[in-house]
C-alpha atoms as a PDB file:
ATOM      1  CA  MET A   1      20.704 146.153 -72.855  1.00  0.00           C
ATOM      2  CA  LEU A   2      22.801 145.461 -69.629  1.00  0.00           C
ATOM      3  CA  LYS A   3      21.261 143.760 -66.332  1.00  0.00           C
ATOM      4  CA  ALA A   4      23.773 144.455 -63.339  1.00  0.00           C
ATOM      5  CA  GLY A   5      24.027 147.433 -61.217  1.00  0.00           C
ATOM      6  CA  PHE A   6      22.185 150.101 -64.141  1.00  0.00           C
ATOM      7  CA  PHE A   7      21.548 153.703 -63.633  1.00  0.00           C
ATOM      8  CA  THR A   8      18.902 155.562 -65.811  1.00  0.00           C
ATOM      9  CA  ILE A   9      20.186 158.504 -67.604  1.00  0.00           C
ATOM     10  CA  LEU A  10      19.811 160.009 -71.126  1.00  0.00           C
ATOM     11  CA  LEU A  11      22.250 160.675 -73.460  1.00  0.00           C
ATOM     12  CA  THR A  12      22.234 164.097 -74.650  1.00  0.00           C
ATOM     13  CA  SER A  13      23.526 166.254 -77.035  1.00  0.00           C
ATOM     14  CA  ALA A  14      25.769 169.880 -76.252  1.00  0.00           C
ATOM     15  CA  LEU A  15      23.967 171.691 -78.546  1.00  0.00           C
ATOM     16  CA  PRO A  16      23.095 174.727 -77.267  1.00  0.00           C
ATOM     17  CA  ALA A  17      19.326 175.311 -78.472  1.00  0.00           C
ATOM     18  CA  VAL A  18      16.076 176.117 -76.420  1.00  0.00           C
ATOM     19  CA  GLY A  19      14.013 173.534 -76.141  1.00  0.00           C
ATOM     20  CA  LEU A  20      11.567 172.626 -73.186  1.00  0.00           C
ATOM     21  CA  PRO A  21      13.221 170.603 -70.347  1.00  0.00           C
ATOM     22  CA  TYR A  22       9.972 169.862 -68.119  1.00  0.00           C
ATOM     23  CA  ASP A  23       9.546 166.709 -70.371  1.00  0.00           C
ATOM     24  CA  ASP A  24      12.968 165.115 -69.364  1.00  0.00           C
ATOM     25  CA  SER A  25      13.678 166.752 -65.915  1.00  0.00           C
ATOM     26  CA  GLY A  26      10.092 166.037 -64.376  1.00  0.00           C
ATOM     27  CA  ALA A  27      10.655 163.025 -62.115  1.00  0.00           C
ATOM     28  CA  SER A  28      13.551 164.682 -61.064  1.00  0.00           C
ATOM     29  CA  VAL A  29      11.494 167.809 -59.089  1.00  0.00           C
ATOM     30  CA  ILE A  30       9.824 166.933 -56.028  1.00  0.00           C
ATOM     31  CA  GLN A  31       7.516 169.178 -54.102  1.00  0.00           C
ATOM     32  CA  LEU A  32       8.620 169.822 -50.194  1.00  0.00           C
ATOM     33  CA  HIS A  33       6.329 169.816 -47.639  1.00  0.00           C
ATOM     34  CA  VAL A  34       7.849 171.947 -43.877  1.00  0.00           C
ATOM     35  CA  PHE A  35       5.023 170.938 -40.883  1.00  0.00           C
ATOM     36  CA  GLY A  36       4.987 171.093 -37.130  1.00  0.00           C
ATOM     37  CA  THR A  37       3.841 172.580 -34.482  1.00  0.00           C
ATOM     38  CA  LEU A  38       4.569 175.484 -33.462  1.00  0.00           C
ATOM     39  CA  LYS A  39       5.277 177.227 -29.552  1.00  0.00           C
ATOM     40  CA  LYS A  40       3.147 179.939 -30.512  1.00  0.00           C
ATOM     41  CA  PRO A  41       2.073 181.444 -33.066  1.00  0.00           C
ATOM     42  CA  LEU A  42       4.095 183.338 -35.995  1.00  0.00           C
ATOM     43  CA  PRO A  43       3.186 186.890 -36.204  1.00  0.00           C
ATOM     44  CA  ASP A  44       0.226 187.811 -37.926  1.00  0.00           C
ATOM     45  CA  THR A  45      -1.234 184.651 -37.070  1.00  0.00           C
ATOM     46  CA  ASP A  46      -3.491 182.958 -34.582  1.00  0.00           C
ATOM     47  CA  THR A  47      -2.166 178.927 -35.248  1.00  0.00           C
ATOM     48  CA  ILE A  48       0.805 176.893 -33.727  1.00  0.00           C
ATOM     49  CA  ASP A  49      -0.017 174.409 -36.672  1.00  0.00           C
ATOM     50  CA  PHE A  50       2.727 174.840 -39.282  1.00  0.00           C
ATOM     51  CA  HIS A  51       2.625 174.622 -42.769  1.00  0.00           C
ATOM     52  CA  SER A  52       5.295 175.304 -45.959  1.00  0.00           C
ATOM     53  CA  ARG A  53       5.103 174.207 -49.315  1.00  0.00           C
ATOM     54  CA  GLY A  54       8.289 174.667 -52.022  1.00  0.00           C
ATOM     55  CA  THR A  55      10.650 172.250 -54.267  1.00  0.00           C
ATOM     56  CA  GLY A  56      12.966 170.667 -54.562  1.00  0.00           C
ATOM     57  CA  PHE A  57      15.152 168.922 -57.131  1.00  0.00           C
ATOM     58  CA  LEU A  58      17.034 165.484 -56.838  1.00  0.00           C
ATOM     59  CA  VAL A  59      20.719 165.835 -57.099  1.00  0.00           C
ATOM     60  CA  SER A  60      22.468 162.172 -56.963  1.00  0.00           C
ATOM     61  CA  PRO A  61      21.918 158.513 -57.307  1.00  0.00           C
ATOM     62  CA  ASP A  62      21.904 158.701 -53.056  1.00  0.00           C
ATOM     63  CA  GLY A  63      18.685 161.026 -52.217  1.00  0.00           C
ATOM     64  CA  LEU A  64      20.597 164.289 -52.242  1.00  0.00           C
ATOM     65  CA  VAL A  65      18.052 167.179 -52.494  1.00  0.00           C
ATOM     66  CA  LEU A  66      19.023 170.516 -53.636  1.00  0.00           C
ATOM     67  CA  SER A  67      16.044 173.172 -51.951  1.00  0.00           C
ATOM     68  CA  ALA A  68      16.271 176.968 -50.997  1.00  0.00           C
ATOM     69  CA  GLY A  69      17.330 177.678 -47.796  1.00  0.00           C
ATOM     70  CA  HIS A  70      14.406 179.726 -46.808  1.00  0.00           C
ATOM     71  CA  LEU A  71      12.237 176.692 -46.626  1.00  0.00           C
ATOM     72  CA  ILE A  72      13.848 175.283 -43.275  1.00  0.00           C
ATOM     73  CA  PRO A  73      12.603 176.858 -40.191  1.00  0.00           C
ATOM     74  CA  ALA A  74      14.334 177.320 -36.870  1.00  0.00           C
ATOM     75  CA  GLU A  75      13.870 174.525 -34.909  1.00  0.00           C
ATOM     76  CA  SER A  76      13.410 176.783 -31.916  1.00  0.00           C
ATOM     77  CA  LEU A  77      10.237 177.791 -33.141  1.00  0.00           C
ATOM     78  CA  PHE A  78       8.470 174.507 -32.594  1.00  0.00           C
ATOM     79  CA  ASP A  79       7.971 171.756 -29.566  1.00  0.00           C
ATOM     80  CA  ASP A  80       9.969 168.817 -28.816  1.00  0.00           C
ATOM     81  CA  LEU A  81       8.853 166.860 -31.357  1.00  0.00           C
ATOM     82  CA  GLY A  82      10.884 169.748 -34.324  1.00  0.00           C
ATOM     83  CA  PHE A  83       8.987 169.777 -37.719  1.00  0.00           C
ATOM     84  CA  HIS A  84       9.470 167.185 -40.337  1.00  0.00           C
ATOM     85  CA  ILE A  85      10.403 167.963 -44.176  1.00  0.00           C
ATOM     86  CA  GLU A  86       8.046 165.501 -46.714  1.00  0.00           C
ATOM     87  CA  GLY A  87       8.831 165.035 -50.572  1.00  0.00           C
ATOM     88  CA  TYR A  88       6.244 164.164 -53.226  1.00  0.00           C
ATOM     89  CA  PHE A  89       7.463 162.597 -56.319  1.00  0.00           C
ATOM     90  CA  PRO A  90       5.918 163.772 -59.660  1.00  0.00           C
ATOM     91  CA  VAL A  91       4.573 160.967 -62.218  1.00  0.00           C
ATOM     92  CA  ARG A  92       3.330 161.476 -65.634  1.00  0.00           C
ATOM     93  CA  ASP A  93       0.005 162.707 -66.101  1.00  0.00           C
ATOM     94  CA  ASP A  94      -0.777 162.296 -70.353  1.00  0.00           C
ATOM     95  CA  ASP A  95       1.240 165.461 -70.459  1.00  0.00           C
ATOM     96  CA  SER A  96       2.349 166.740 -67.575  1.00  0.00           C
ATOM     97  CA  PHE A  97       3.400 165.942 -64.252  1.00  0.00           C
ATOM     98  CA  ALA A  98       1.940 165.936 -60.852  1.00  0.00           C
ATOM     99  CA  ALA A  99       3.350 164.930 -57.413  1.00  0.00           C
ATOM    100  CA  VAL A 100       2.084 161.675 -56.028  1.00  0.00           C
ATOM    101  CA  ASP A 101       1.680 160.321 -52.659  1.00  0.00           C
ATOM    102  CA  PRO A 102       2.893 158.457 -50.902  1.00  0.00           C
ATOM    103  CA  PRO A 103       5.314 160.996 -49.861  1.00  0.00           C
ATOM    104  CA  VAL A 104       9.284 160.202 -48.169  1.00  0.00           C
ATOM    105  CA  THR A 105      11.250 160.984 -46.088  1.00  0.00           C
ATOM    106  CA  LEU A 106      13.770 164.138 -45.655  1.00  0.00           C
ATOM    107  CA  LYS A 107      16.211 165.462 -43.408  1.00  0.00           C
ATOM    108  CA  VAL A 108      18.610 168.846 -43.177  1.00  0.00           C
ATOM    109  CA  ILE A 109      22.105 168.467 -44.414  1.00  0.00           C
ATOM    110  CA  LYS A 110      22.628 172.045 -43.944  1.00  0.00           C
ATOM    111  CA  ALA A 111      20.465 175.316 -44.770  1.00  0.00           C
ATOM    112  CA  LYS A 112      21.418 179.085 -44.916  1.00  0.00           C
ATOM    113  CA  THR A 113      19.955 182.104 -46.324  1.00  0.00           C
ATOM    114  CA  GLU A 114      23.227 184.146 -46.025  1.00  0.00           C
ATOM    115  CA  PRO A 115      25.094 184.861 -47.966  1.00  0.00           C
ATOM    116  CA  TYR A 116      23.313 183.125 -50.513  1.00  0.00           C
ATOM    117  CA  ASP A 117      19.797 181.412 -50.108  1.00  0.00           C
ATOM    118  CA  VAL A 118      20.277 177.349 -50.288  1.00  0.00           C
ATOM    119  CA  ALA A 119      19.504 173.696 -48.333  1.00  0.00           C
ATOM    120  CA  LEU A 120      20.094 170.310 -48.855  1.00  0.00           C
ATOM    121  CA  LEU A 121      18.380 167.879 -47.749  1.00  0.00           C
ATOM    122  CA  ARG A 122      18.224 164.003 -47.697  1.00  0.00           C
ATOM    123  CA  ILE A 123      15.828 161.736 -48.251  1.00  0.00           C
ATOM    124  CA  ILE A 124      16.002 158.962 -45.129  1.00  0.00           C
ATOM    125  CA  ASP A 125      16.153 155.264 -46.409  1.00  0.00           C
ATOM    126  CA  TYR A 126      16.595 156.171 -50.233  1.00  0.00           C
ATOM    127  CA  LYS A 127      15.596 152.488 -52.025  1.00  0.00           C
ATOM    128  CA  ILE A 128      14.364 153.730 -54.922  1.00  0.00           C
ATOM    129  CA  LEU A 129      16.333 154.192 -58.099  1.00  0.00           C
ATOM    130  CA  LYS A 130      15.369 157.844 -60.130  1.00  0.00           C
ATOM    131  CA  PRO A 131      17.197 159.856 -62.347  1.00  0.00           C
ATOM    132  CA  PHE A 132      19.298 163.083 -61.230  1.00  0.00           C
ATOM    133  CA  LEU A 133      19.758 166.882 -62.511  1.00  0.00           C
ATOM    134  CA  SER A 134      23.315 167.629 -63.974  1.00  0.00           C
ATOM    135  CA  LEU A 135      24.224 170.800 -62.123  1.00  0.00           C
ATOM    136  CA  CYS A 136      27.085 173.172 -63.632  1.00  0.00           C
ATOM    137  CA  ASP A 137      28.155 177.580 -63.817  1.00  0.00           C
ATOM    138  CA  ALA A 138      27.275 179.038 -66.489  1.00  0.00           C
ATOM    139  CA  TYR A 139      24.518 179.593 -69.324  1.00  0.00           C
ATOM    140  CA  LYS A 140      24.835 181.452 -72.643  1.00  0.00           C
ATOM    141  CA  LYS A 141      25.055 184.742 -73.053  1.00  0.00           C
ATOM    142  CA  GLY A 142      25.282 187.970 -75.146  1.00  0.00           C
ATOM    143  CA  GLU A 143      21.725 187.694 -76.887  1.00  0.00           C
ATOM    144  CA  LYS A 144      18.017 186.816 -75.426  1.00  0.00           C
ATOM    145  CA  ILE A 145      17.519 183.349 -74.476  1.00  0.00           C
ATOM    146  CA  ASP A 146      14.753 182.015 -72.298  1.00  0.00           C
ATOM    147  CA  PHE A 147      15.757 180.279 -69.266  1.00  0.00           C
ATOM    148  CA  ALA A 148      12.917 177.830 -67.501  1.00  0.00           C
ATOM    149  CA  ILE A 149      12.297 177.378 -63.540  1.00  0.00           C
ATOM    150  CA  LEU A 150      10.337 174.840 -63.098  1.00  0.00           C
ATOM    151  CA  GLY A 151       8.040 174.338 -59.645  1.00  0.00           C
ATOM    152  CA  TYR A 152       5.154 174.270 -57.621  1.00  0.00           C
ATOM    153  CA  GLN A 153       3.592 177.189 -57.490  1.00  0.00           C
ATOM    154  CA  GLY A 154       0.978 177.885 -55.029  1.00  0.00           C
ATOM    155  CA  GLY A 155       1.805 174.434 -53.407  1.00  0.00           C
ATOM    156  CA  ASP A 156      -0.327 172.383 -55.921  1.00  0.00           C
ATOM    157  CA  ARG A 157       0.386 169.061 -57.025  1.00  0.00           C
ATOM    158  CA  LEU A 158       0.847 170.092 -60.742  1.00  0.00           C
ATOM    159  CA  LEU A 159       4.233 170.325 -61.952  1.00  0.00           C
ATOM    160  CA  THR A 160       4.567 173.407 -63.692  1.00  0.00           C
ATOM    161  CA  SER A 161       7.492 175.353 -65.883  1.00  0.00           C
ATOM    162  CA  ASN A 162       7.812 179.220 -66.113  1.00  0.00           C
ATOM    163  CA  TRP A 163       9.970 180.597 -68.985  1.00  0.00           C
ATOM    164  CA  GLY A 164      12.037 184.192 -69.710  1.00  0.00           C
ATOM    165  CA  PRO A 165      14.879 185.841 -69.751  1.00  0.00           C
ATOM    166  CA  ILE A 166      18.056 187.306 -67.640  1.00  0.00           C
ATOM    167  CA  MET A 167      17.513 190.841 -66.891  1.00  0.00           C
ATOM    168  CA  ALA A 168      20.576 191.016 -65.026  1.00  0.00           C
ATOM    169  CA  GLY A 169      23.462 188.716 -63.921  1.00  0.00           C
ATOM    170  CA  ALA A 170      24.874 188.098 -60.901  1.00  0.00           C
ATOM    171  CA  GLY A 171      26.933 190.406 -59.368  1.00  0.00           C
ATOM    172  CA  ALA A 172      30.095 190.177 -57.143  1.00  0.00           C
ATOM    173  CA  ALA A 173      26.922 189.740 -54.165  1.00  0.00           C
ATOM    174  CA  THR A 174      24.322 189.416 -55.996  1.00  0.00           C
ATOM    175  CA  ASN A 175      21.605 186.711 -56.958  1.00  0.00           C
ATOM    176  CA  ILE A 176      20.627 186.365 -61.102  1.00  0.00           C
ATOM    177  CA  VAL A 177      17.414 188.446 -61.833  1.00  0.00           C
ATOM    178  CA  LEU A 178      15.424 187.045 -64.323  1.00  0.00           C
ATOM    179  CA  GLN A 179      12.129 187.646 -66.117  1.00  0.00           C
ATOM    180  CA  ILE A 180       9.956 185.444 -65.084  1.00  0.00           C
ATOM    181  CA  PRO A 181       7.001 185.240 -62.891  1.00  0.00           C
ATOM    182  CA  LEU A 182       7.357 183.186 -59.667  1.00  0.00           C
ATOM    183  CA  ASN A 183       4.255 182.182 -57.146  1.00  0.00           C
ATOM    184  CA  GLY A 184       4.652 180.651 -53.604  1.00  0.00           C
ATOM    185  CA  GLY A 185       5.827 177.187 -54.190  1.00  0.00           C
ATOM    186  CA  ASN A 186       8.916 177.818 -56.454  1.00  0.00           C
ATOM    187  CA  SER A 187      10.871 178.717 -54.001  1.00  0.00           C
ATOM    188  CA  GLY A 188      13.974 175.900 -54.646  1.00  0.00           C
ATOM    189  CA  GLY A 189      13.100 174.660 -58.010  1.00  0.00           C
ATOM    190  CA  PRO A 190      15.423 174.189 -60.672  1.00  0.00           C
ATOM    191  CA  LEU A 191      17.110 176.976 -63.101  1.00  0.00           C
ATOM    192  CA  PHE A 192      17.492 175.069 -66.742  1.00  0.00           C
ATOM    193  CA  ASN A 193      20.893 176.572 -68.948  1.00  0.00           C
ATOM    194  CA  GLU A 194      20.393 176.427 -72.807  1.00  0.00           C
ATOM    195  CA  GLN A 195      22.596 172.783 -72.196  1.00  0.00           C
ATOM    196  CA  GLY A 196      19.597 171.376 -69.617  1.00  0.00           C
ATOM    197  CA  LYS A 197      21.525 172.068 -66.868  1.00  0.00           C
ATOM    198  CA  VAL A 198      20.972 173.175 -63.676  1.00  0.00           C
ATOM    199  CA  PHE A 199      23.013 176.621 -63.222  1.00  0.00           C
ATOM    200  CA  GLY A 200      20.485 178.153 -60.182  1.00  0.00           C
ATOM    201  CA  ILE A 201      17.752 177.292 -57.538  1.00  0.00           C
ATOM    202  CA  ALA A 202      14.828 179.886 -57.689  1.00  0.00           C
ATOM    203  CA  ILE A 203      14.244 182.199 -54.199  1.00  0.00           C
ATOM    204  CA  GLY A 204      12.068 184.131 -54.626  1.00  0.00           C
ATOM    205  CA  GLU A 205      10.473 187.347 -56.854  1.00  0.00           C
ATOM    206  CA  ARG A 206      12.552 190.536 -56.222  1.00  0.00           C
ATOM    207  CA  THR A 207      11.673 193.415 -54.368  1.00  0.00           C
ATOM    208  CA  ALA A 208      13.373 196.985 -54.437  1.00  0.00           C
ATOM    209  CA  ALA A 209      12.610 199.861 -52.054  1.00  0.00           C
ATOM    210  CA  GLY A 210      10.092 197.391 -50.383  1.00  0.00           C
ATOM    211  CA  GLN A 211       7.680 197.508 -53.499  1.00  0.00           C
ATOM    212  CA  ARG A 212       7.561 193.921 -55.460  1.00  0.00           C
ATOM    213  CA  MET A 213       8.840 193.817 -59.186  1.00  0.00           C
ATOM    214  CA  ASN A 214       5.624 191.988 -61.088  1.00  0.00           C
ATOM    215  CA  ALA A 215       6.837 189.366 -62.901  1.00  0.00           C
ATOM    216  CA  THR A 216      10.317 189.245 -62.108  1.00  0.00           C
ATOM    217  CA  ALA A 217      12.649 186.576 -59.982  1.00  0.00           C
ATOM    218  CA  LEU A 218      15.679 185.879 -58.461  1.00  0.00           C
ATOM    219  CA  ALA A 219      17.959 182.815 -58.441  1.00  0.00           C
ATOM    220  CA  VAL A 220      21.226 181.996 -56.273  1.00  0.00           C
ATOM    221  CA  PRO A 221      23.942 181.256 -58.861  1.00  0.00           C
ATOM    222  CA  MET A 222      25.016 177.363 -58.474  1.00  0.00           C
ATOM    223  CA  ALA A 223      28.510 178.316 -58.158  1.00  0.00           C
ATOM    224  CA  LYS A 224      27.397 180.294 -54.839  1.00  0.00           C
ATOM    225  CA  ALA A 225      24.763 177.451 -53.303  1.00  0.00           C
ATOM    226  CA  MET A 226      27.679 175.047 -53.416  1.00  0.00           C
ATOM    227  CA  ALA A 227      30.133 177.589 -51.788  1.00  0.00           C
ATOM    228  CA  THR A 228      27.809 178.255 -49.526  1.00  0.00           C
ATOM    229  CA  LEU A 229      26.598 174.394 -48.726  1.00  0.00           C
ATOM    230  CA  GLY A 230      31.049 174.220 -48.024  1.00  0.00           C
ATOM    231  CA  ASP A 231      32.508 170.164 -47.069  1.00  0.00           C
ATOM    232  CA  GLU A 232      28.631 169.135 -46.798  1.00  0.00           C
ATOM    233  CA  ALA A 233      28.259 169.801 -50.437  1.00  0.00           C
ATOM    234  CA  SER A 234      31.208 166.619 -51.212  1.00  0.00           C
ATOM    235  CA  GLY A 235      28.096 164.555 -52.023  1.00  0.00           C
ATOM    236  CA  ILE A 236      27.591 166.914 -55.181  1.00  0.00           C
ATOM    237  CA  LYS A 237      31.056 167.473 -56.261  1.00  0.00           C
ATOM    238  CA  GLY A 238      32.150 164.955 -59.769  1.00  0.00           C
ATOM    239  CA  VAL A 239      28.720 163.153 -58.722  1.00  0.00           C
ATOM    240  CA  SER A 240      25.989 166.144 -60.741  1.00  0.00           C
ATOM    241  CA  TYR A 241      28.660 169.121 -60.660  1.00  0.00           C
ATOM    242  CA  ASN A 242      31.061 170.314 -62.260  1.00  0.00           C
ATOM    243  CA  PRO A 243      31.774 174.204 -62.645  1.00  0.00           C
ATOM    244  CA  ASP A 244      32.550 173.194 -66.154  1.00  0.00           C
ATOM    245  CA  CYS A 245      29.202 172.944 -67.912  1.00  0.00           C
ATOM    246  CA  ASN A 246      30.557 170.911 -71.217  1.00  0.00           C
ATOM    247  CA  ILE A 247      31.976 167.955 -68.583  1.00  0.00           C
ATOM    248  CA  ASN A 248      29.373 165.611 -68.534  1.00  0.00           C
ATOM    249  CA  LEU A 249      29.680 163.569 -65.529  1.00  0.00           C
ATOM    250  CA  LEU A 250      28.171 159.570 -65.454  1.00  0.00           C
ATOM    251  CA  PRO A 251      25.860 158.822 -63.779  1.00  0.00           C
ATOM    252  CA  GLN A 252      23.467 161.665 -64.407  1.00  0.00           C
ATOM    253  CA  THR A 253      19.992 162.712 -66.259  1.00  0.00           C
ATOM    254  CA  VAL A 254      20.971 165.430 -67.695  1.00  0.00           C
ATOM    255  CA  VAL A 255      17.343 167.602 -69.694  1.00  0.00           C
ATOM    256  CA  ASN A 256      18.053 166.970 -73.817  1.00  0.00           C
ATOM    257  CA  ILE A 257      16.731 170.218 -74.862  1.00  0.00           C
ATOM    258  CA  SER A 258      17.744 169.782 -78.363  1.00  0.00           C
ATOM    259  CA  GLN A 259      16.520 166.442 -79.814  1.00  0.00           C
ATOM    260  CA  ASN A 260      14.297 163.715 -78.059  1.00  0.00           C
ATOM    261  CA  LEU A 261      17.234 160.914 -78.134  1.00  0.00           C
ATOM    262  CA  PRO A 262      16.121 157.512 -76.493  1.00  0.00           C
ATOM    263  CA  ILE A 263      16.456 156.366 -72.578  1.00  0.00           C
ATOM    264  CA  VAL A 264      19.146 153.407 -72.480  1.00  0.00           C
ATOM    265  CA  GLU A 265      19.959 151.615 -69.048  1.00  0.00           C
ATOM    266  CA  MET A 266      23.829 150.839 -69.294  1.00  0.00           C
ATOM    267  CA  THR A 267      26.415 149.597 -66.677  1.00  0.00           C
ATOM    268  CA  LEU A 268      28.484 152.461 -65.366  1.00  0.00           C
ATOM    269  CA  PRO A 269      31.704 152.486 -63.530  1.00  0.00           C
ATOM    270  CA  PRO A 270      31.831 154.232 -59.737  1.00  0.00           C
ATOM    271  CA  PRO A 271      31.940 158.178 -59.232  1.00  0.00           C
ATOM    272  CA  PRO A 272      34.990 159.553 -59.585  1.00  0.00           C
ATOM    273  CA  PRO A 273      36.056 160.612 -56.324  1.00  0.00           C
ATOM    274  CA  CYS A 274      35.603 164.106 -55.283  1.00  0.00           C
ATOM    275  CA  GLN A 275      36.770 167.362 -56.706  1.00  0.00           C
ATOM    276  CA  GLU A 276      37.714 170.818 -55.285  1.00  0.00           C
ATOM    277  CA  PHE A 277      37.020 173.363 -57.475  1.00  0.00           C
ATOM    278  CA  LYS A 278      17.972 190.956 -50.305  1.00  0.00           C
ATOM    279  CA  TRP A 279      15.298 188.550 -51.268  1.00  0.00           C
ATOM    280  CA  THR A 280      11.046 188.349 -50.884  1.00  0.00           C
ATOM    281  CA  PRO A 281      10.478 184.547 -50.296  1.00  0.00           C
ATOM    282  CA  LEU A 282       8.395 182.718 -52.285  1.00  0.00           C
ATOM    283  CA  PHE A 283       7.286 179.180 -50.773  1.00  0.00           C
ATOM    284  CA  LEU A 284       3.939 178.924 -49.203  1.00  0.00           C
ATOM    285  CA  THR A 285       2.782 178.906 -45.811  1.00  0.00           C
ATOM    286  CA  SER A 286      -0.837 177.748 -44.712  1.00  0.00           C
ATOM    287  CA  ASN A 287      -2.511 177.303 -41.497  1.00  0.00           C
ATOM    288  CA  LEU A 288      -4.303 174.532 -41.786  1.00  0.00           C
END
């Protein structure tokens, strides 16, 4: 084991076998809490206290976090203090993960709902070393495979995994449709492919003609999330994101869903230079 300048990573197999990403990726998925004092109550509410909860996931060694854009409210709705974002990292509790205190504070790098629903946040004064997830564009097609979304449903501190197949791939201007039931608080969660890499961001339930489609969910494809973020995503490209899912970037944590391999510590070179390469929102609001 090498002592100087190490990152913790998982050695993984690229075999396309379906397994459980929960155990290896859970430490990288955080609960988000957005709160502040509104200038006036939102429609159909009677309070100026704003609270919403969702999910985000760590994508760089310096504290960059991806999530859903609709979790980030308009600054103009709030008083002079604006809104605040806290994040809660999970710890293992026997066979589960649960988000715990103390929280970290995050700031918004960029948040968009059009053309695609994505947010890039940064943890302020990030001084701890945590595993982060690997991002790419593809998933195995042509056969029925259950994919996983991790998140904090209902705003609960317990991290959960929801599984289901893809019902329709993304079109030129549409999102991925999955047969996965989601609940408030799941928005912003990572969608894993059969290699254990994140290829989408959960954003909400699917609707048609104003009706909620039960047990169906939408996810923004990673390629379209990156394009929407534009230059602000430069801190991810070549670090945790490569369009080609068969290329492993270091340092990174890749969810091992094909076999159990030990975690190792090793010295890594500096990251390579950057390379050019209508939904119903699902977030939990409460009037607390």
